[in-house]
Amino acid sequence: MMNKNMLKQAQQMQARLAAVQEEIAVARTEATVGGGMIKVAVIGGSKVESITIDPEVVDPDDVEMLQDLILAAINEAMDSAQKLASDKMSQITGGLNIPGLT
């Protein structure tokens, strides 16, 4: 049976988790590859906000390289977003792996 103090602590943790989840949902992460030729920004770890391509990297004879750079930048930005989310959640959960929270 939970006492009032335990219930209050659970409610506070729930409120902190909700706040952190909101922070994660709007967090912006970026990745730059190719010496700054490609930059990708991701919002919330799931939505690509923008892709910036330096015109110098556009070579009609080597489209495959451009595709590889874009893919690398997106993956790096997504990885950064997931790490940010994991770090923020572990601040609340104390490193406990709670399924469904990240």
PDB file of N, CA and C in Angstrom:
ATOM      1  N   MET A   1       0.835  -1.178   0.000  1.00  0.00           N
ATOM      2  CA  MET A   1       0.000   0.000   0.000  1.00  0.00           C
ATOM      3  C   MET A   1       0.887   1.251   0.000  1.00  0.00           C
ATOM      4  N   MET A   2       0.595   2.173  -0.888  1.00  0.00           N
ATOM      5  CA  MET A   2       1.401   3.395  -0.980  1.00  0.00           C
ATOM      6  C   MET A   2       0.963   4.401   0.070  1.00  0.00           C
ATOM      7  N   ASN A   3       1.954   4.992   0.720  1.00  0.00           N
ATOM      8  CA  ASN A   3       1.596   6.081   1.614  1.00  0.00           C
ATOM      9  C   ASN A   3       1.585   7.386   0.820  1.00  0.00           C
ATOM     10  N   LYS A   4       1.151   8.458   1.457  1.00  0.00           N
ATOM     11  CA  LYS A   4       1.006   9.738   0.756  1.00  0.00           C
ATOM     12  C   LYS A   4       2.331  10.236   0.210  1.00  0.00           C
ATOM     13  N   ASN A   5       3.418  10.027   0.952  1.00  0.00           N
ATOM     14  CA  ASN A   5       4.728  10.493   0.513  1.00  0.00           C
ATOM     15  C   ASN A   5       5.170   9.752  -0.749  1.00  0.00           C
ATOM     16  N   MET A   6       4.965   8.440  -0.787  1.00  0.00           N
ATOM     17  CA  MET A   6       5.339   7.663  -1.969  1.00  0.00           C
ATOM     18  C   MET A   6       4.501   8.076  -3.172  1.00  0.00           C
ATOM     19  N   LEU A   7       3.225   8.328  -2.955  1.00  0.00           N
ATOM     20  CA  LEU A   7       2.341   8.761  -4.030  1.00  0.00           C
ATOM     21  C   LEU A   7       2.791  10.114  -4.570  1.00  0.00           C
ATOM     22  N   LYS A   8       3.158  11.019  -3.658  1.00  0.00           N
ATOM     23  CA  LYS A   8       3.626  12.346  -4.065  1.00  0.00           C
ATOM     24  C   LYS A   8       4.915  12.225  -4.879  1.00  0.00           C
ATOM     25  N   GLN A   9       5.838  11.363  -4.441  1.00  0.00           N
ATOM     26  CA  GLN A   9       7.086  11.170  -5.168  1.00  0.00           C
ATOM     27  C   GLN A   9       6.820  10.586  -6.562  1.00  0.00           C
ATOM     28  N   ALA A  10       5.904   9.652  -6.648  1.00  0.00           N
ATOM     29  CA  ALA A  10       5.552   9.056  -7.940  1.00  0.00           C
ATOM     30  C   ALA A  10       4.949  10.106  -8.875  1.00  0.00           C
ATOM     31  N   GLN A  11       4.104  10.969  -8.339  1.00  0.00           N
ATOM     32  CA  GLN A  11       3.497  12.028  -9.149  1.00  0.00           C
ATOM     33  C   GLN A  11       4.552  13.024  -9.618  1.00  0.00           C
ATOM     34  N   GLN A  12       5.520  13.340  -8.735  1.00  0.00           N
ATOM     35  CA  GLN A  12       6.592  14.263  -9.119  1.00  0.00           C
ATOM     36  C   GLN A  12       7.454  13.656 -10.224  1.00  0.00           C
ATOM     37  N   MET A  13       7.762  12.376 -10.095  1.00  0.00           N
ATOM     38  CA  MET A  13       8.563  11.721 -11.130  1.00  0.00           C
ATOM     39  C   MET A  13       7.798  11.685 -12.449  1.00  0.00           C
ATOM     40  N   GLN A  14       6.515  11.412 -12.382  1.00  0.00           N
ATOM     41  CA  GLN A  14       5.693  11.381 -13.589  1.00  0.00           C
ATOM     42  C   GLN A  14       5.692  12.755 -14.257  1.00  0.00           C
ATOM     43  N   ALA A  15       5.593  13.819 -13.460  1.00  0.00           N
ATOM     44  CA  ALA A  15       5.607  15.175 -14.012  1.00  0.00           C
ATOM     45  C   ALA A  15       6.969  15.482 -14.643  1.00  0.00           C
ATOM     46  N   ARG A  16       8.063  15.069 -13.989  1.00  0.00           N
ATOM     47  CA  ARG A  16       9.403  15.296 -14.552  1.00  0.00           C
ATOM     48  C   ARG A  16       9.584  14.514 -15.845  1.00  0.00           C
ATOM     49  N   LEU A  17       9.092  13.279 -15.872  1.00  0.00           N
ATOM     50  CA  LEU A  17       9.186  12.471 -17.090  1.00  0.00           C
ATOM     51  C   LEU A  17       8.423  13.125 -18.237  1.00  0.00           C
ATOM     52  N   ALA A  18       7.235  13.623 -17.947  1.00  0.00           N
ATOM     53  CA  ALA A  18       6.433  14.285 -18.984  1.00  0.00           C
ATOM     54  C   ALA A  18       7.167  15.515 -19.517  1.00  0.00           C
ATOM     55  N   ALA A  19       7.781  16.279 -18.613  1.00  0.00           N
ATOM     56  CA  ALA A  19       8.512  17.483 -19.028  1.00  0.00           C
ATOM     57  C   ALA A  19       9.712  17.114 -19.892  1.00  0.00           C
ATOM     58  N   VAL A  20      10.443  16.075 -19.510  1.00  0.00           N
ATOM     59  CA  VAL A  20      11.605  15.647 -20.278  1.00  0.00           C
ATOM     60  C   VAL A  20      11.169  15.100 -21.633  1.00  0.00           C
ATOM     61  N   GLN A  21      10.093  14.351 -21.671  1.00  0.00           N
ATOM     62  CA  GLN A  21       9.604  13.836 -22.953  1.00  0.00           C
ATOM     63  C   GLN A  21       9.229  14.983 -23.884  1.00  0.00           C
ATOM     64  N   GLU A  22       8.670  16.048 -23.342  1.00  0.00           N
ATOM     65  CA  GLU A  22       8.337  17.222 -24.152  1.00  0.00           C
ATOM     66  C   GLU A  22       9.620  17.891 -24.658  1.00  0.00           C
ATOM     67  N   GLU A  23      10.637  18.008 -23.779  1.00  0.00           N
ATOM     68  CA  GLU A  23      11.923  18.574 -24.202  1.00  0.00           C
ATOM     69  C   GLU A  23      12.509  17.767 -25.352  1.00  0.00           C
ATOM     70  N   ILE A  24      12.461  16.447 -25.232  1.00  0.00           N
ATOM     71  CA  ILE A  24      13.004  15.562 -26.260  1.00  0.00           C
ATOM     72  C   ILE A  24      12.244  15.746 -27.576  1.00  0.00           C
ATOM     73  N   ALA A  25      10.927  15.896 -27.480  1.00  0.00           N
ATOM     74  CA  ALA A  25      10.099  16.024 -28.683  1.00  0.00           C
ATOM     75  C   ALA A  25      10.430  17.271 -29.500  1.00  0.00           C
ATOM     76  N   VAL A  26      10.946  18.317 -28.849  1.00  0.00           N
ATOM     77  CA  VAL A  26      11.254  19.557 -29.564  1.00  0.00           C
ATOM     78  C   VAL A  26      12.757  19.819 -29.679  1.00  0.00           C
ATOM     79  N   ALA A  27      13.571  18.897 -29.149  1.00  0.00           N
ATOM     80  CA  ALA A  27      15.020  19.075 -29.202  1.00  0.00           C
ATOM     81  C   ALA A  27      15.513  19.030 -30.645  1.00  0.00           C
ATOM     82  N   ARG A  28      16.465  19.894 -30.947  1.00  0.00           N
ATOM     83  CA  ARG A  28      17.029  19.983 -32.294  1.00  0.00           C
ATOM     84  C   ARG A  28      18.480  19.509 -32.243  1.00  0.00           C
ATOM     85  N   THR A  29      18.817  18.548 -33.064  1.00  0.00           N
ATOM     86  CA  THR A  29      20.194  18.084 -33.169  1.00  0.00           C
ATOM     87  C   THR A  29      20.651  18.254 -34.611  1.00  0.00           C
ATOM     88  N   GLU A  30      21.956  18.454 -34.774  1.00  0.00           N
ATOM     89  CA  GLU A  30      22.513  18.650 -36.107  1.00  0.00           C
ATOM     90  C   GLU A  30      23.714  17.738 -36.307  1.00  0.00           C
ATOM     91  N   ALA A  31      23.982  17.443 -37.544  1.00  0.00           N
ATOM     92  CA  ALA A  31      25.191  16.721 -37.923  1.00  0.00           C
ATOM     93  C   ALA A  31      25.724  17.341 -39.201  1.00  0.00           C
ATOM     94  N   THR A  32      27.044  17.438 -39.273  1.00  0.00           N
ATOM     95  CA  THR A  32      27.708  17.965 -40.462  1.00  0.00           C
ATOM     96  C   THR A  32      28.726  16.933 -40.924  1.00  0.00           C
ATOM     97  N   VAL A  33      28.734  16.646 -42.211  1.00  0.00           N
ATOM     98  CA  VAL A  33      29.684  15.685 -42.778  1.00  0.00           C
ATOM     99  C   VAL A  33      30.347  16.291 -44.010  1.00  0.00           C
ATOM    100  N   GLY A  34      31.380  15.607 -44.485  1.00  0.00           N
ATOM    101  CA  GLY A  34      32.057  16.061 -45.697  1.00  0.00           C
ATOM    102  C   GLY A  34      32.734  17.398 -45.513  1.00  0.00           C
ATOM    103  N   GLY A  35      33.288  17.620 -44.321  1.00  0.00           N
ATOM    104  CA  GLY A  35      33.966  18.894 -44.075  1.00  0.00           C
ATOM    105  C   GLY A  35      33.030  20.083 -44.142  1.00  0.00           C
ATOM    106  N   GLY A  36      31.777  19.880 -43.763  1.00  0.00           N
ATOM    107  CA  GLY A  36      30.803  20.966 -43.767  1.00  0.00           C
ATOM    108  C   GLY A  36      29.993  21.063 -45.044  1.00  0.00           C
ATOM    109  N   MET A  37      30.188  20.132 -45.946  1.00  0.00           N
ATOM    110  CA  MET A  37      29.471  20.180 -47.218  1.00  0.00           C
ATOM    111  C   MET A  37      27.996  19.832 -47.088  1.00  0.00           C
ATOM    112  N   ILE A  38      27.666  18.968 -46.112  1.00  0.00           N
ATOM    113  CA  ILE A  38      26.281  18.548 -45.883  1.00  0.00           C
ATOM    114  C   ILE A  38      25.958  18.759 -44.412  1.00  0.00           C
ATOM    115  N   LYS A  39      24.835  19.403 -44.150  1.00  0.00           N
ATOM    116  CA  LYS A  39      24.385  19.593 -42.772  1.00  0.00           C
ATOM    117  C   LYS A  39      22.917  19.180 -42.682  1.00  0.00           C
ATOM    118  N   VAL A  40      22.604  18.373 -41.659  1.00  0.00           N
ATOM    119  CA  VAL A  40      21.238  17.909 -41.441  1.00  0.00           C
ATOM    120  C   VAL A  40      20.816  18.290 -40.037  1.00  0.00           C
ATOM    121  N   ALA A  41      19.602  18.809 -39.900  1.00  0.00           N
ATOM    122  CA  ALA A  41      19.022  19.124 -38.595  1.00  0.00           C
ATOM    123  C   ALA A  41      17.807  18.231 -38.384  1.00  0.00           C
ATOM    124  N   VAL A  42      17.708  17.664 -37.179  1.00  0.00           N
ATOM    125  CA  VAL A  42      16.631  16.757 -36.821  1.00  0.00           C
ATOM    126  C   VAL A  42      15.903  17.320 -35.608  1.00  0.00           C
ATOM    127  N   ILE A  43      14.587  17.224 -35.614  1.00  0.00           N
ATOM    128  CA  ILE A  43      13.758  17.649 -34.487  1.00  0.00           C
ATOM    129  C   ILE A  43      13.181  16.415 -33.814  1.00  0.00           C
ATOM    130  N   GLY A  44      13.358  16.342 -32.514  1.00  0.00           N
ATOM    131  CA  GLY A  44      12.734  15.275 -31.738  1.00  0.00           C
ATOM    132  C   GLY A  44      13.225  13.877 -32.048  1.00  0.00           C
ATOM    133  N   GLY A  45      14.286  13.774 -32.773  1.00  0.00           N
ATOM    134  CA  GLY A  45      14.840  12.463 -33.079  1.00  0.00           C
ATOM    135  C   GLY A  45      14.084  11.678 -34.130  1.00  0.00           C
ATOM    136  N   SER A  46      13.058  12.289 -34.712  1.00  0.00           N
ATOM    137  CA  SER A  46      12.289  11.519 -35.682  1.00  0.00           C
ATOM    138  C   SER A  46      11.904  12.300 -36.932  1.00  0.00           C
ATOM    139  N   LYS A  47      12.160  13.592 -36.953  1.00  0.00           N
ATOM    140  CA  LYS A  47      11.750  14.396 -38.105  1.00  0.00           C
ATOM    141  C   LYS A  47      12.942  15.207 -38.615  1.00  0.00           C
ATOM    142  N   VAL A  48      13.294  15.010 -39.894  1.00  0.00           N
ATOM    143  CA  VAL A  48      14.355  15.803 -40.490  1.00  0.00           C
ATOM    144  C   VAL A  48      13.793  17.196 -40.742  1.00  0.00           C
ATOM    145  N   GLU A  49      14.398  18.176 -40.102  1.00  0.00           N
ATOM    146  CA  GLU A  49      13.930  19.561 -40.239  1.00  0.00           C
ATOM    147  C   GLU A  49      14.506  20.218 -41.493  1.00  0.00           C
ATOM    148  N   SER A  50      15.803  19.997 -41.720  1.00  0.00           N
ATOM    149  CA  SER A  50      16.421  20.621 -42.886  1.00  0.00           C
ATOM    150  C   SER A  50      17.657  19.854 -43.327  1.00  0.00           C
ATOM    151  N   ILE A  51      17.978  20.014 -44.607  1.00  0.00           N
ATOM    152  CA  ILE A  51      19.205  19.488 -45.188  1.00  0.00           C
ATOM    153  C   ILE A  51      19.833  20.637 -45.968  1.00  0.00           C
ATOM    154  N   THR A  52      21.087  20.927 -45.658  1.00  0.00           N
ATOM    155  CA  THR A  52      21.818  21.976 -46.355  1.00  0.00           C
ATOM    156  C   THR A  52      22.955  21.327 -47.138  1.00  0.00           C
ATOM    157  N   ILE A  53      23.026  21.635 -48.438  1.00  0.00           N
ATOM    158  CA  ILE A  53      24.036  21.044 -49.312  1.00  0.00           C
ATOM    159  C   ILE A  53      24.846  22.175 -49.941  1.00  0.00           C
ATOM    160  N   ASP A  54      26.160  22.138 -49.721  1.00  0.00           N
ATOM    161  CA  ASP A  54      27.048  23.100 -50.359  1.00  0.00           C
ATOM    162  C   ASP A  54      27.073  22.778 -51.855  1.00  0.00           C
ATOM    163  N   PRO A  55      26.809  23.761 -52.710  1.00  0.00           N
ATOM    164  CA  PRO A  55      26.773  23.505 -54.161  1.00  0.00           C
ATOM    165  C   PRO A  55      28.051  22.866 -54.704  1.00  0.00           C
ATOM    166  N   GLU A  56      29.180  23.090 -54.032  1.00  0.00           N
ATOM    167  CA  GLU A  56      30.446  22.531 -54.509  1.00  0.00           C
ATOM    168  C   GLU A  56      30.462  21.004 -54.460  1.00  0.00           C
ATOM    169  N   VAL A  57      29.633  20.404 -53.605  1.00  0.00           N
ATOM    170  CA  VAL A  57      29.630  18.950 -53.478  1.00  0.00           C
ATOM    171  C   VAL A  57      28.744  18.285 -54.536  1.00  0.00           C
ATOM    172  N   VAL A  58      27.969  19.082 -55.251  1.00  0.00           N
ATOM    173  CA  VAL A  58      27.068  18.530 -56.274  1.00  0.00           C
ATOM    174  C   VAL A  58      27.869  18.290 -57.558  1.00  0.00           C
ATOM    175  N   ASP A  59      28.073  17.005 -57.837  1.00  0.00           N
ATOM    176  CA  ASP A  59      28.813  16.595 -59.028  1.00  0.00           C
ATOM    177  C   ASP A  59      27.924  15.620 -59.790  1.00  0.00           C
ATOM    178  N   PRO A  60      27.407  16.039 -60.943  1.00  0.00           N
ATOM    179  CA  PRO A  60      26.510  15.164 -61.709  1.00  0.00           C
ATOM    180  C   PRO A  60      27.139  13.814 -62.049  1.00  0.00           C
ATOM    181  N   ASP A  61      28.468  13.757 -62.078  1.00  0.00           N
ATOM    182  CA  ASP A  61      29.145  12.498 -62.394  1.00  0.00           C
ATOM    183  C   ASP A  61      29.352  11.608 -61.170  1.00  0.00           C
ATOM    184  N   ASP A  62      29.022  12.145 -59.980  1.00  0.00           N
ATOM    185  CA  ASP A  62      29.220  11.351 -58.761  1.00  0.00           C
ATOM    186  C   ASP A  62      28.059  11.572 -57.787  1.00  0.00           C
ATOM    187  N   VAL A  63      26.858  11.312 -58.246  1.00  0.00           N
ATOM    188  CA  VAL A  63      25.658  11.458 -57.425  1.00  0.00           C
ATOM    189  C   VAL A  63      25.704  10.493 -56.234  1.00  0.00           C
ATOM    190  N   GLU A  64      26.325   9.349 -56.428  1.00  0.00           N
ATOM    191  CA  GLU A  64      26.404   8.343 -55.371  1.00  0.00           C
ATOM    192  C   GLU A  64      27.118   8.890 -54.125  1.00  0.00           C
ATOM    193  N   MET A  65      28.194   9.675 -54.320  1.00  0.00           N
ATOM    194  CA  MET A  65      28.903  10.269 -53.189  1.00  0.00           C
ATOM    195  C   MET A  65      27.986  11.229 -52.427  1.00  0.00           C
ATOM    196  N   LEU A  66      27.231  12.035 -53.143  1.00  0.00           N
ATOM    197  CA  LEU A  66      26.307  12.976 -52.522  1.00  0.00           C
ATOM    198  C   LEU A  66      25.252  12.225 -51.713  1.00  0.00           C
ATOM    199  N   GLN A  67      24.724  11.157 -52.276  1.00  0.00           N
ATOM    200  CA  GLN A  67      23.734  10.347 -51.567  1.00  0.00           C
ATOM    201  C   GLN A  67      24.342   9.770 -50.286  1.00  0.00           C
ATOM    202  N   ASP A  68      25.567   9.260 -50.376  1.00  0.00           N
ATOM    203  CA  ASP A  68      26.242   8.687 -49.214  1.00  0.00           C
ATOM    204  C   ASP A  68      26.456   9.736 -48.121  1.00  0.00           C
ATOM    205  N   LEU A  69      26.852  10.946 -48.517  1.00  0.00           N
ATOM    206  CA  LEU A  69      27.067  12.020 -47.544  1.00  0.00           C
ATOM    207  C   LEU A  69      25.765  12.414 -46.853  1.00  0.00           C
ATOM    208  N   ILE A  70      24.690  12.513 -47.621  1.00  0.00           N
ATOM    209  CA  ILE A  70      23.388  12.866 -47.045  1.00  0.00           C
ATOM    210  C   ILE A  70      22.938  11.782 -46.075  1.00  0.00           C
ATOM    211  N   LEU A  71      23.067  10.543 -46.473  1.00  0.00           N
ATOM    212  CA  LEU A  71      22.687   9.426 -45.614  1.00  0.00           C
ATOM    213  C   LEU A  71      23.510   9.429 -44.324  1.00  0.00           C
ATOM    214  N   ALA A  72      24.812   9.652 -44.440  1.00  0.00           N
ATOM    215  CA  ALA A  72      25.680   9.687 -43.256  1.00  0.00           C
ATOM    216  C   ALA A  72      25.269  10.820 -42.316  1.00  0.00           C
ATOM    217  N   ALA A  73      24.954  11.987 -42.873  1.00  0.00           N
ATOM    218  CA  ALA A  73      24.556  13.124 -42.041  1.00  0.00           C
ATOM    219  C   ALA A  73      23.234  12.851 -41.330  1.00  0.00           C
ATOM    220  N   ILE A  74      22.281  12.276 -42.029  1.00  0.00           N
ATOM    221  CA  ILE A  74      20.984  11.963 -41.413  1.00  0.00           C
ATOM    222  C   ILE A  74      21.175  10.949 -40.289  1.00  0.00           C
ATOM    223  N   ASN A  75      21.932   9.887 -40.561  1.00  0.00           N
ATOM    224  CA  ASN A  75      22.150   8.873 -39.528  1.00  0.00           C
ATOM    225  C   ASN A  75      22.876   9.441 -38.319  1.00  0.00           C
ATOM    226  N   GLU A  76      23.857  10.305 -38.547  1.00  0.00           N
ATOM    227  CA  GLU A  76      24.586  10.915 -37.442  1.00  0.00           C
ATOM    228  C   GLU A  76      23.671  11.832 -36.619  1.00  0.00           C
ATOM    229  N   ALA A  77      22.835  12.604 -37.290  1.00  0.00           N
ATOM    230  CA  ALA A  77      21.902  13.485 -36.572  1.00  0.00           C
ATOM    231  C   ALA A  77      20.890  12.665 -35.765  1.00  0.00           C
ATOM    232  N   MET A  78      20.394  11.579 -36.343  1.00  0.00           N
ATOM    233  CA  MET A  78      19.452  10.707 -35.631  1.00  0.00           C
ATOM    234  C   MET A  78      20.121  10.056 -34.420  1.00  0.00           C
ATOM    235  N   ASP A  79      21.362   9.591 -34.595  1.00  0.00           N
ATOM    236  CA  ASP A  79      22.099   8.998 -33.476  1.00  0.00           C
ATOM    237  C   ASP A  79      22.294  10.017 -32.358  1.00  0.00           C
ATOM    238  N   SER A  80      22.626  11.252 -32.724  1.00  0.00           N
ATOM    239  CA  SER A  80      22.798  12.313 -31.721  1.00  0.00           C
ATOM    240  C   SER A  80      21.491  12.578 -30.985  1.00  0.00           C
ATOM    241  N   ALA A  81      20.389  12.572 -31.716  1.00  0.00           N
ATOM    242  CA  ALA A  81      19.080  12.800 -31.100  1.00  0.00           C
ATOM    243  C   ALA A  81      18.734  11.675 -30.131  1.00  0.00           C
ATOM    244  N   GLN A  82      19.021  10.433 -30.512  1.00  0.00           N
ATOM    245  CA  GLN A  82      18.746   9.305 -29.621  1.00  0.00           C
ATOM    246  C   GLN A  82      19.609   9.356 -28.376  1.00  0.00           C
ATOM    247  N   LYS A  83      20.873   9.764 -28.526  1.00  0.00           N
ATOM    248  CA  LYS A  83      21.759   9.887 -27.364  1.00  0.00           C
ATOM    249  C   LYS A  83      21.258  10.990 -26.439  1.00  0.00           C
ATOM    250  N   LEU A  84      20.847  12.107 -27.008  1.00  0.00           N
ATOM    251  CA  LEU A  84      20.304  13.205 -26.211  1.00  0.00           C
ATOM    252  C   LEU A  84      19.089  12.732 -25.425  1.00  0.00           C
ATOM    253  N   ALA A  85      18.186  12.022 -26.081  1.00  0.00           N
ATOM    254  CA  ALA A  85      16.983  11.511 -25.425  1.00  0.00           C
ATOM    255  C   ALA A  85      17.357  10.548 -24.303  1.00  0.00           C
ATOM    256  N   SER A  86      18.284   9.663 -24.580  1.00  0.00           N
ATOM    257  CA  SER A  86      18.714   8.684 -23.579  1.00  0.00           C
ATOM    258  C   SER A  86      19.344   9.380 -22.368  1.00  0.00           C
ATOM    259  N   ASP A  87      20.197  10.371 -22.636  1.00  0.00           N
ATOM    260  CA  ASP A  87      20.841  11.116 -21.545  1.00  0.00           C
ATOM    261  C   ASP A  87      19.820  11.846 -20.689  1.00  0.00           C
ATOM    262  N   LYS A  88      18.848  12.494 -21.337  1.00  0.00           N
ATOM    263  CA  LYS A  88      17.823  13.225 -20.585  1.00  0.00           C
ATOM    264  C   LYS A  88      16.971  12.279 -19.738  1.00  0.00           C
ATOM    265  N   MET A  89      16.613  11.138 -20.312  1.00  0.00           N
ATOM    266  CA  MET A  89      15.791  10.183 -19.566  1.00  0.00           C
ATOM    267  C   MET A  89      16.564   9.584 -18.398  1.00  0.00           C
ATOM    268  N   SER A  90      17.855   9.321 -18.583  1.00  0.00           N
ATOM    269  CA  SER A  90      18.624   8.715 -17.494  1.00  0.00           C
ATOM    270  C   SER A  90      18.805   9.683 -16.337  1.00  0.00           C
ATOM    271  N   GLN A  91      18.722  10.992 -16.598  1.00  0.00           N
ATOM    272  CA  GLN A  91      18.768  11.968 -15.510  1.00  0.00           C
ATOM    273  C   GLN A  91      17.560  11.801 -14.592  1.00  0.00           C
ATOM    274  N   ILE A  92      16.434  11.434 -15.156  1.00  0.00           N
ATOM    275  CA  ILE A  92      15.212  11.256 -14.381  1.00  0.00           C
ATOM    276  C   ILE A  92      15.142   9.869 -13.760  1.00  0.00           C
ATOM    277  N   THR A  93      15.479   8.855 -14.548  1.00  0.00           N
ATOM    278  CA  THR A  93      15.305   7.480 -14.089  1.00  0.00           C
ATOM    279  C   THR A  93      16.518   6.952 -13.323  1.00  0.00           C
ATOM    280  N   GLY A  94      17.580   7.753 -13.254  1.00  0.00           N
ATOM    281  CA  GLY A  94      18.768   7.317 -12.532  1.00  0.00           C
ATOM    282  C   GLY A  94      19.475   6.168 -13.222  1.00  0.00           C
ATOM    283  N   GLY A  95      19.331   6.070 -14.530  1.00  0.00           N
ATOM    284  CA  GLY A  95      19.994   5.023 -15.289  1.00  0.00           C
ATOM    285  C   GLY A  95      19.189   3.740 -15.399  1.00  0.00           C
ATOM    286  N   LEU A  96      18.034   3.679 -14.747  1.00  0.00           N
ATOM    287  CA  LEU A  96      17.204   2.483 -14.868  1.00  0.00           C
ATOM    288  C   LEU A  96      16.640   2.403 -16.275  1.00  0.00           C
ATOM    289  N   ASN A  97      16.607   1.238 -16.826  1.00  0.00           N
ATOM    290  CA  ASN A  97      16.039   1.042 -18.161  1.00  0.00           C
ATOM    291  C   ASN A  97      14.558   0.719 -18.009  1.00  0.00           C
ATOM    292  N   ILE A  98      13.719   1.737 -18.171  1.00  0.00           N
ATOM    293  CA  ILE A  98      12.288   1.564 -18.014  1.00  0.00           C
ATOM    294  C   ILE A  98      11.673   1.443 -19.409  1.00  0.00           C
ATOM    295  N   PRO A  99      11.160   0.276 -19.767  1.00  0.00           N
ATOM    296  CA  PRO A  99      10.617   0.073 -21.112  1.00  0.00           C
ATOM    297  C   PRO A  99       9.544   1.101 -21.469  1.00  0.00           C
ATOM    298  N   GLY A 100       9.608   1.579 -22.709  1.00  0.00           N
ATOM    299  CA  GLY A 100       8.572   2.481 -23.201  1.00  0.00           C
ATOM    300  C   GLY A 100       8.813   3.947 -22.918  1.00  0.00           C
ATOM    301  N   LEU A 101       9.909   4.290 -22.230  1.00  0.00           N
ATOM    302  CA  LEU A 101      10.130   5.693 -21.892  1.00  0.00           C
ATOM    303  C   LEU A 101      11.067   6.415 -22.852  1.00  0.00           C
ATOM    304  N   THR A 102      11.828   5.696 -23.656  1.00  0.00           N
ATOM    305  CA  THR A 102      12.706   6.377 -24.590  1.00  0.00           C
ATOM    306  C   THR A 102      12.359   6.002 -25.998  1.00  0.00           C
TER     307      THR A 102
END
